[in-house]
Amino acid sequence: MIKNKSNKYLQLGYVRDLLCKGNVEVARQMLSDLLKINPNDSLILHLLIETYIKTGEYDTALSMLENGAVNRDRCLAVDLMSLYIKLGMDDSIQKAYLKYFKEKKQHNEKNRIISDIYRDQMFAYLNSNYGYDLPIENNHLVSIKMLKNYSKNATIEKLEKDNCREDRKNIFKVEDISSLYNRVKKYVNNNANNGVFQLPVFDEYFFHLDDCGMVDGESTDYFRTVTVVNTSKIIAMYPVVYSRYRDYNELVKKQNDGKKFVKTK
């Protein structure tokens, strides 16, 4: 429990930890209380909106953004656009683009809520899928290449290379990353609604697979997968500690064919 109630940033740090551990309702109540004291705080609004997105209450999140939140801080327009993309609201995407992002002075503004790399991922998605011409920082071009020109082989190559890095804290034990990639991709294709939407614009899945990897030198049975929103295009995959997450999809090895898997939860 937080002892220093007056320290907003300490409390927000505690809220982020609650969100990571899946304690969404507790985090939401704390954020609602903080918002009463700081009604124009964009970061609190961003995190509160995120709690509704985590529980799939998109209508509530959308209502909060459309009914005033974005007008308080243009940075929240990234949240709004991301939600429009997730929900396939093409007319609203076009209107939001013209209102918040078309003018250079607006989208070059420093974003203190969402990091530049995530904003640029959204820009890359919009450029690729809607023909826009939003600027992307040069140092982010490599990181978002998969969003613009997705390649299965390039993705697997990157996953394999990352898994061999000596400084990597999250390492797969499985020998065939390509096979694991294919299994996960097939699952996502068949169960796209089991992903969790995350701001600004991607879906994430958590899987169970016995002794699949290591995190900080400790064995784990869980890993996280990130895909381009509403697709099975995997852009990241790495082991995680399950205690930080509640919902997961289980990959089960069958005796006769280790490459097959079924959903058990």
Protein backbone atom coordinates (compact mmCIF):
# COMPACT_ATOMS: atom_id res chain seq x y z
CA MET A 1 0.00 0.00 0.00
CA ILE A 2 1.20 3.49 -0.78
CA LYS A 3 2.19 5.45 2.29
CA ASN A 4 2.76 8.79 0.58
CA LYS A 5 -0.70 9.61 -0.76
CA SER A 6 0.39 13.04 -1.99
CA ASN A 7 2.95 11.69 -4.43
CA LYS A 8 1.00 11.29 -7.66
CA TYR A 9 3.88 9.71 -9.58
CA LEU A 10 4.48 7.15 -6.87
CA GLN A 11 0.82 6.23 -7.04
CA LEU A 12 0.89 6.00 -10.83
CA GLY A 13 3.88 3.69 -10.60
CA TYR A 14 1.86 1.52 -8.26
CA VAL A 15 -1.07 1.64 -10.70
CA ARG A 16 1.15 0.48 -13.58
CA ASP A 17 2.29 -2.46 -11.47
CA LEU A 18 -1.32 -3.35 -10.72
CA LEU A 19 -2.14 -3.28 -14.43
CA CYS A 20 0.81 -5.53 -15.24
CA LYS A 21 -0.39 -8.02 -12.63
CA GLY A 22 -3.95 -7.97 -13.93
CA ASN A 23 -5.50 -6.09 -11.00
CA VAL A 24 -7.46 -3.86 -13.36
CA GLU A 25 -10.41 -3.04 -11.10
CA VAL A 26 -8.18 -1.86 -8.24
CA ALA A 27 -6.09 0.21 -10.68
CA ARG A 28 -9.24 1.72 -12.16
CA GLN A 29 -10.55 2.82 -8.77
CA MET A 30 -7.23 4.43 -7.87
CA LEU A 31 -7.11 6.26 -11.19
CA SER A 32 -10.70 7.47 -10.82
CA ASP A 33 -9.83 8.87 -7.39
CA LEU A 34 -6.68 10.53 -8.76
CA LEU A 35 -8.65 12.05 -11.63
CA LYS A 36 -11.00 13.77 -9.19
CA ILE A 37 -7.97 15.55 -7.72
CA ASN A 38 -6.24 16.10 -11.10
CA PRO A 39 -9.14 16.40 -13.61
CA ASN A 40 -6.95 17.64 -16.47
CA ASP A 41 -4.05 15.21 -16.09
CA SER A 42 -3.50 13.49 -19.46
CA LEU A 43 -1.42 10.62 -18.09
CA ILE A 44 -4.09 9.66 -15.56
CA LEU A 45 -6.71 9.82 -18.31
CA HIS A 46 -4.54 7.68 -20.59
CA LEU A 47 -4.11 5.00 -17.92
CA LEU A 48 -7.79 5.08 -16.96
CA ILE A 49 -8.79 4.63 -20.60
CA GLU A 50 -6.31 1.77 -20.80
CA THR A 51 -8.12 -0.06 -17.97
CA TYR A 52 -11.32 -0.13 -20.03
CA ILE A 53 -9.42 -1.29 -23.10
CA LYS A 54 -7.82 -4.12 -21.09
CA THR A 55 -11.27 -5.39 -20.09
CA GLY A 56 -12.64 -5.05 -23.63
CA GLU A 57 -14.97 -2.18 -22.69
CA TYR A 58 -14.17 -0.31 -25.88
CA ASP A 59 -17.41 1.70 -25.92
CA THR A 60 -16.56 3.25 -22.55
CA ALA A 61 -13.00 4.04 -23.62
CA LEU A 62 -14.26 5.53 -26.88
CA SER A 63 -16.85 7.64 -25.09
CA MET A 64 -14.23 9.06 -22.72
CA LEU A 65 -11.95 9.99 -25.61
CA GLU A 66 -14.63 11.44 -27.87
CA ASN A 67 -16.36 13.38 -25.10
CA GLY A 68 -13.62 15.71 -24.08
CA ALA A 69 -10.43 13.79 -23.25
CA VAL A 70 -8.74 14.48 -26.60
CA ASN A 71 -9.63 18.16 -26.37
CA ARG A 72 -7.71 18.40 -23.09
CA ASP A 73 -4.53 17.04 -24.63
CA ARG A 74 -3.82 16.29 -28.30
CA CYS A 75 -1.49 13.47 -27.20
CA LEU A 76 -4.61 11.42 -26.41
CA ALA A 77 -5.49 11.56 -30.10
CA VAL A 78 -3.06 8.64 -30.52
CA ASP A 79 -5.26 6.63 -28.15
CA LEU A 80 -8.38 7.66 -30.05
CA MET A 81 -6.93 6.81 -33.47
CA SER A 82 -5.66 3.45 -32.19
CA LEU A 83 -9.14 2.56 -30.95
CA TYR A 84 -10.69 3.56 -34.27
CA ILE A 85 -8.20 1.28 -36.03
CA LYS A 86 -8.97 -1.64 -33.72
CA LEU A 87 -12.71 -1.24 -34.27
CA GLY A 88 -12.39 -0.71 -38.04
CA MET A 89 -14.10 2.68 -37.95
CA ASP A 90 -12.77 3.93 -41.30
CA ASP A 91 -14.83 7.14 -41.47
CA SER A 92 -13.71 8.14 -37.99
CA ILE A 93 -10.09 7.29 -38.87
CA GLN A 94 -10.22 9.72 -41.78
CA LYS A 95 -11.78 12.48 -39.66
CA ALA A 96 -9.25 11.99 -36.84
CA TYR A 97 -6.39 12.03 -39.33
CA LEU A 98 -7.54 15.36 -40.79
CA LYS A 99 -8.20 16.87 -37.37
CA TYR A 100 -5.21 15.71 -35.34
CA PHE A 101 -2.41 14.41 -37.55
CA LYS A 102 -2.39 15.98 -40.99
CA GLU A 103 -0.80 19.26 -39.96
CA LYS A 104 2.95 18.90 -39.36
CA LYS A 105 2.91 21.05 -36.25
CA GLN A 106 0.46 18.67 -34.61
CA HIS A 107 2.09 15.29 -35.15
CA ASN A 108 5.62 16.56 -34.56
CA GLU A 109 4.62 17.77 -31.12
CA LYS A 110 6.50 15.95 -28.36
CA ASN A 111 4.33 13.17 -26.99
CA ARG A 112 4.75 12.83 -23.25
CA ILE A 113 2.17 10.09 -22.81
CA ILE A 114 3.02 7.52 -25.47
CA SER A 115 6.61 6.98 -26.55
CA ASP A 116 7.66 8.02 -30.05
CA ILE A 117 8.30 4.47 -31.21
CA TYR A 118 4.68 3.49 -30.51
CA ARG A 119 3.36 6.61 -32.17
CA ASP A 120 5.50 5.84 -35.20
CA GLN A 121 4.19 2.28 -35.28
CA MET A 122 0.71 3.73 -35.57
CA PHE A 123 1.84 6.13 -38.28
CA ALA A 124 3.39 3.23 -40.22
CA TYR A 125 0.13 1.29 -39.95
CA LEU A 126 -1.87 4.27 -41.23
CA ASN A 127 0.58 4.92 -44.07
CA SER A 128 0.50 1.28 -45.16
CA ASN A 129 -3.24 0.64 -44.83
CA TYR A 130 -4.76 4.03 -45.59
CA GLY A 131 -2.24 5.65 -47.94
CA TYR A 132 -1.36 8.49 -45.58
CA ASP A 133 2.03 10.17 -45.53
CA LEU A 134 2.76 10.63 -41.84
CA PRO A 135 6.43 11.21 -40.93
CA ILE A 136 8.43 8.52 -39.17
CA GLU A 137 11.69 9.16 -37.32
CA ASN A 138 14.70 7.69 -39.11
CA ASN A 139 15.89 5.86 -36.01
CA HIS A 140 12.57 4.02 -35.84
CA LEU A 141 12.42 2.85 -39.45
CA VAL A 142 14.11 -0.49 -38.77
CA SER A 143 11.90 -1.22 -35.76
CA ILE A 144 8.69 -0.71 -37.72
CA LYS A 145 9.77 -2.22 -41.03
CA MET A 146 7.64 -5.30 -40.34
CA LEU A 147 4.55 -3.12 -40.08
CA LYS A 148 5.12 -1.56 -43.50
CA ASN A 149 6.35 -4.61 -45.41
CA TYR A 150 5.63 -7.66 -43.31
CA SER A 151 7.78 -10.71 -43.97
CA LYS A 152 7.39 -14.06 -42.21
CA ASN A 153 10.98 -15.07 -42.95
CA ALA A 154 12.40 -11.74 -41.76
CA THR A 155 10.34 -11.99 -38.57
CA ILE A 156 11.53 -15.51 -37.79
CA GLU A 157 15.11 -14.49 -38.53
CA LYS A 158 14.82 -11.57 -36.11
CA LEU A 159 13.26 -13.78 -33.41
CA GLU A 160 16.08 -16.31 -33.78
CA LYS A 161 18.73 -13.60 -33.72
CA ASP A 162 17.22 -11.93 -30.65
CA ASN A 163 17.07 -15.28 -28.88
CA CYS A 164 20.85 -15.70 -29.31
CA ARG A 165 21.83 -12.30 -27.92
CA GLU A 166 24.07 -12.61 -24.88
CA ASP A 167 22.44 -9.64 -23.15
CA ARG A 168 18.94 -11.03 -23.59
CA LYS A 169 17.06 -11.69 -20.33
CA ASN A 170 14.15 -13.53 -22.00
CA ILE A 171 15.34 -16.64 -23.86
CA PHE A 172 13.38 -19.49 -25.45
CA LYS A 173 14.54 -23.01 -24.67
CA VAL A 174 12.72 -24.44 -27.68
CA GLU A 175 15.16 -25.27 -30.45
CA ASP A 176 12.89 -24.58 -33.40
CA ILE A 177 11.66 -20.98 -33.24
CA SER A 178 10.18 -21.34 -36.74
CA SER A 179 7.94 -24.21 -35.61
CA LEU A 180 6.80 -22.26 -32.55
CA TYR A 181 6.07 -19.25 -34.76
CA ASN A 182 3.89 -21.38 -37.05
CA ARG A 183 2.00 -22.89 -34.13
CA VAL A 184 1.26 -19.50 -32.62
CA LYS A 185 0.30 -18.00 -35.98
CA LYS A 186 -2.16 -20.82 -36.61
CA TYR A 187 -3.68 -20.33 -33.17
CA VAL A 188 -4.11 -16.58 -33.71
CA ASN A 189 -5.68 -17.18 -37.12
CA ASN A 190 -8.30 -19.40 -35.51
CA ASN A 191 -8.77 -17.44 -32.28
CA ALA A 192 -8.18 -13.79 -33.10
CA ASN A 193 -10.72 -12.65 -30.51
CA ASN A 194 -8.57 -14.08 -27.70
CA GLY A 195 -5.96 -11.38 -28.08
CA VAL A 196 -5.83 -8.32 -25.85
CA PHE A 197 -5.74 -4.93 -27.58
CA GLN A 198 -3.00 -2.62 -26.35
CA LEU A 199 -2.35 1.02 -27.06
CA PRO A 200 -1.39 2.42 -29.39
CA VAL A 201 -2.18 -0.26 -32.00
CA PHE A 202 -1.30 -3.92 -31.49
CA ASP A 203 -2.74 -7.11 -30.02
CA GLU A 204 -1.01 -9.32 -27.47
CA TYR A 205 -1.44 -12.97 -26.50
CA PHE A 206 -0.04 -14.95 -23.57
CA PHE A 207 0.63 -18.66 -23.96
CA HIS A 208 1.45 -21.58 -21.70
CA LEU A 209 3.99 -24.13 -22.94
CA ASP A 210 5.85 -26.33 -20.47
CA ASP A 211 9.42 -25.19 -19.78
CA CYS A 212 9.46 -23.01 -22.91
CA GLY A 213 12.04 -20.47 -21.80
CA MET A 214 14.09 -18.54 -19.26
CA VAL A 215 13.54 -15.12 -17.68
CA ASP A 216 16.47 -13.69 -15.74
CA GLY A 217 17.95 -17.17 -15.38
CA GLU A 218 14.74 -18.77 -14.09
CA SER A 219 12.67 -21.30 -16.05
CA THR A 220 9.18 -20.27 -17.16
CA ASP A 221 6.22 -21.96 -18.84
CA TYR A 222 4.81 -18.79 -20.41
CA PHE A 223 5.53 -16.46 -23.31
CA ARG A 224 4.09 -13.30 -24.82
CA THR A 225 3.28 -12.75 -28.49
CA VAL A 226 2.54 -9.38 -30.10
CA THR A 227 0.77 -9.08 -33.47
CA VAL A 228 -0.22 -6.29 -35.80
CA VAL A 229 -3.71 -5.27 -34.69
CA ASN A 230 -6.52 -7.57 -35.90
CA THR A 231 -4.07 -9.84 -37.76
CA SER A 232 -1.86 -12.88 -37.13
CA LYS A 233 1.27 -10.98 -38.24
CA ILE A 234 3.62 -11.66 -35.35
CA ILE A 235 6.06 -8.83 -34.59
CA ALA A 236 7.43 -9.97 -31.21
CA MET A 237 7.55 -13.16 -29.15
CA TYR A 238 9.44 -13.83 -25.90
CA PRO A 239 9.16 -15.71 -22.55
CA VAL A 240 7.58 -13.95 -19.56
CA VAL A 241 6.91 -14.65 -15.88
CA TYR A 242 3.31 -15.78 -15.59
CA SER A 243 2.74 -14.22 -12.16
CA ARG A 244 2.44 -10.85 -13.92
CA TYR A 245 -0.47 -11.95 -16.11
CA ARG A 246 -3.86 -13.57 -15.58
CA ASP A 247 -5.20 -14.66 -18.96
CA TYR A 248 -3.33 -17.04 -21.22
CA ASN A 249 -3.90 -19.56 -24.02
CA GLU A 250 -2.39 -22.98 -23.59
CA LEU A 251 -0.28 -24.75 -26.21
CA VAL A 252 -0.44 -28.50 -25.64
CA LYS A 253 2.00 -30.95 -27.21
CA LYS A 254 0.23 -34.03 -28.53
CA GLN A 255 1.97 -37.37 -28.18
CA ASN A 256 1.84 -38.20 -31.88
CA ASP A 257 2.62 -34.76 -33.28
CA GLY A 258 4.48 -32.19 -31.23
CA LYS A 259 3.72 -29.49 -33.78
CA LYS A 260 -0.03 -29.54 -33.18
CA PHE A 261 -1.71 -27.68 -30.39
CA VAL A 262 -5.19 -27.04 -29.07
CA LYS A 263 -6.78 -24.29 -27.06
CA THR A 264 -7.61 -25.53 -23.57
CA LYS A 265 -8.66 -22.26 -21.91
